[in-house]
Amino acid sequence: CRQVIEYGNAASGESINFDTNNPVVRNIEVLDLNGSGANTLDNLSIQDVIDITDSNNTLTIYGDSNDSVNIIDNSNWAHTTQTEGTTNFDVYTNINAAFPDVTLRIQQEIIDNLS
């Protein structure tokens, strides 16, 4: 069963900062930021993806051009693209052998920043 969290229902947008909030989100595969406003995920790391996903370590994030995802661990990600049906994704995969395989798929309409 695919676990989905819909996020961003506040009119002004919402933000999760993985560096400071340490959200207790576990065993999900999809974050949907398509709610109202500009929604932001900050300081998302490889370890965060491992912590919040199931054993497949794959997280898919849906959203629009008002939303943003700020990814850290710049040197540990390889970037490609992927199309699934009519949806295009930026795909980041872990290249650090110290971690298991990790895949982060972000809908291309979202502003994604890697630092």
Protein backbone atom coordinates (compact mmCIF):
# COMPACT_ATOMS: atom_id res chain seq x y z
CA CYS A 1 0.00 0.00 0.00
CA ARG A 2 1.48 3.37 -1.05
CA GLN A 3 1.65 5.86 1.83
CA VAL A 4 0.95 9.49 0.80
CA ILE A 5 1.08 12.69 2.86
CA GLU A 6 -0.76 15.71 1.45
CA TYR A 7 0.90 18.86 2.66
CA GLY A 8 0.32 22.57 2.35
CA ASN A 9 -3.34 23.24 2.97
CA ALA A 10 -2.70 26.62 4.64
CA ALA A 11 -3.44 29.58 2.38
CA SER A 12 -0.02 31.11 3.03
CA GLY A 13 2.01 27.95 2.40
CA GLU A 14 3.88 25.80 4.87
CA SER A 15 7.45 24.75 5.53
CA ILE A 16 9.25 21.75 6.99
CA ASN A 17 12.89 22.27 7.89
CA PHE A 18 14.45 18.86 8.32
CA ASP A 19 17.48 20.42 9.99
CA THR A 20 15.55 21.98 12.87
CA ASN A 21 12.11 20.38 13.04
CA ASN A 22 13.18 16.72 12.88
CA PRO A 23 9.66 15.80 11.77
CA VAL A 24 8.41 12.43 12.90
CA VAL A 25 7.32 11.24 9.48
CA ARG A 26 7.94 7.57 8.80
CA ASN A 27 7.19 4.90 6.22
CA ILE A 28 5.92 7.10 3.39
CA GLU A 29 6.64 7.06 -0.33
CA VAL A 30 4.95 10.28 -1.51
CA LEU A 31 4.78 13.88 -0.31
CA ASP A 32 2.17 15.96 -2.13
CA LEU A 33 2.84 19.72 -1.85
CA ASN A 34 0.01 20.66 -4.24
CA GLY A 35 -2.01 22.38 -1.50
CA SER A 36 -2.50 26.13 -1.29
CA GLY A 37 0.38 28.58 -1.14
CA ALA A 38 4.11 28.18 -1.57
CA ASN A 39 5.21 25.10 0.37
CA THR A 40 8.84 24.39 1.21
CA LEU A 41 10.94 21.45 2.32
CA ASP A 42 14.31 22.65 3.64
CA ASN A 43 17.56 20.80 4.40
CA LEU A 44 16.36 17.45 3.03
CA SER A 45 19.27 15.00 3.27
CA ILE A 46 19.96 11.44 2.22
CA GLN A 47 19.49 10.37 5.84
CA ASP A 48 16.10 12.14 5.97
CA VAL A 49 14.93 10.22 2.90
CA ILE A 50 16.08 6.97 4.54
CA ASP A 51 14.35 7.89 7.82
CA ILE A 52 10.96 8.82 6.34
CA THR A 53 10.62 6.16 3.63
CA ASP A 54 10.09 2.42 3.75
CA SER A 55 12.86 -0.09 3.00
CA ASN A 56 12.85 0.90 -0.71
CA ASN A 57 14.26 4.35 0.25
CA THR A 58 12.42 6.08 -2.60
CA LEU A 59 10.59 9.36 -2.00
CA THR A 60 8.45 11.06 -4.67
CA ILE A 61 7.47 14.71 -4.19
CA TYR A 62 4.63 16.27 -6.17
CA GLY A 63 3.95 20.00 -6.33
CA ASP A 64 3.86 23.07 -8.52
CA SER A 65 6.00 26.09 -9.41
CA ASN A 66 5.11 27.79 -6.11
CA ASP A 67 6.73 25.00 -4.09
CA SER A 68 10.39 24.37 -3.37
CA VAL A 69 12.61 21.58 -2.10
CA ASN A 70 16.08 22.39 -0.78
CA ILE A 71 18.33 19.35 -0.77
CA ILE A 72 21.63 19.10 1.10
CA ASP A 73 24.59 16.71 0.68
CA ASN A 74 25.42 18.13 -2.76
CA SER A 75 28.38 15.82 -3.44
CA ASN A 76 26.37 12.69 -2.59
CA TRP A 77 23.64 12.98 -5.25
CA ALA A 78 23.63 12.21 -8.98
CA HIS A 79 20.95 14.01 -11.03
CA THR A 80 18.93 12.60 -13.94
CA THR A 81 15.39 13.09 -15.24
CA GLN A 82 12.49 10.70 -15.67
CA THR A 83 9.02 10.81 -17.22
CA GLU A 84 6.13 8.84 -15.77
CA GLY A 85 3.01 9.20 -17.89
CA THR A 86 2.73 12.97 -18.41
CA THR A 87 4.70 13.92 -15.28
CA ASN A 88 8.38 14.84 -15.50
CA PHE A 89 10.70 14.40 -12.53
CA ASP A 90 14.14 15.51 -11.46
CA VAL A 91 15.64 12.33 -10.03
CA TYR A 92 18.43 12.37 -7.45
CA THR A 93 20.14 9.11 -6.54
CA ASN A 94 22.63 8.53 -3.79
CA ILE A 95 26.23 7.94 -4.93
CA ASN A 96 27.77 7.64 -1.45
CA ALA A 97 28.60 4.00 -0.66
CA ALA A 98 28.18 4.71 3.07
CA PHE A 99 24.40 4.84 2.53
CA PRO A 100 22.02 2.28 1.00
CA ASP A 101 20.45 3.04 -2.39
CA VAL A 102 18.30 6.17 -2.07
CA THR A 103 16.14 7.79 -4.76
CA LEU A 104 14.48 11.20 -4.53
CA ARG A 105 12.01 12.07 -7.33
CA ILE A 106 10.82 15.69 -7.49
CA GLN A 107 8.15 16.83 -9.94
CA GLN A 108 9.91 19.22 -12.33
CA GLU A 109 7.46 22.07 -11.75
CA ILE A 110 8.84 22.36 -8.19
CA ILE A 111 11.87 24.58 -7.63
CA ASP A 112 14.56 22.20 -6.42
CA ASN A 113 17.89 23.44 -5.11
CA LEU A 114 20.90 21.30 -4.33
CA SER A 115 23.51 22.57 -1.87
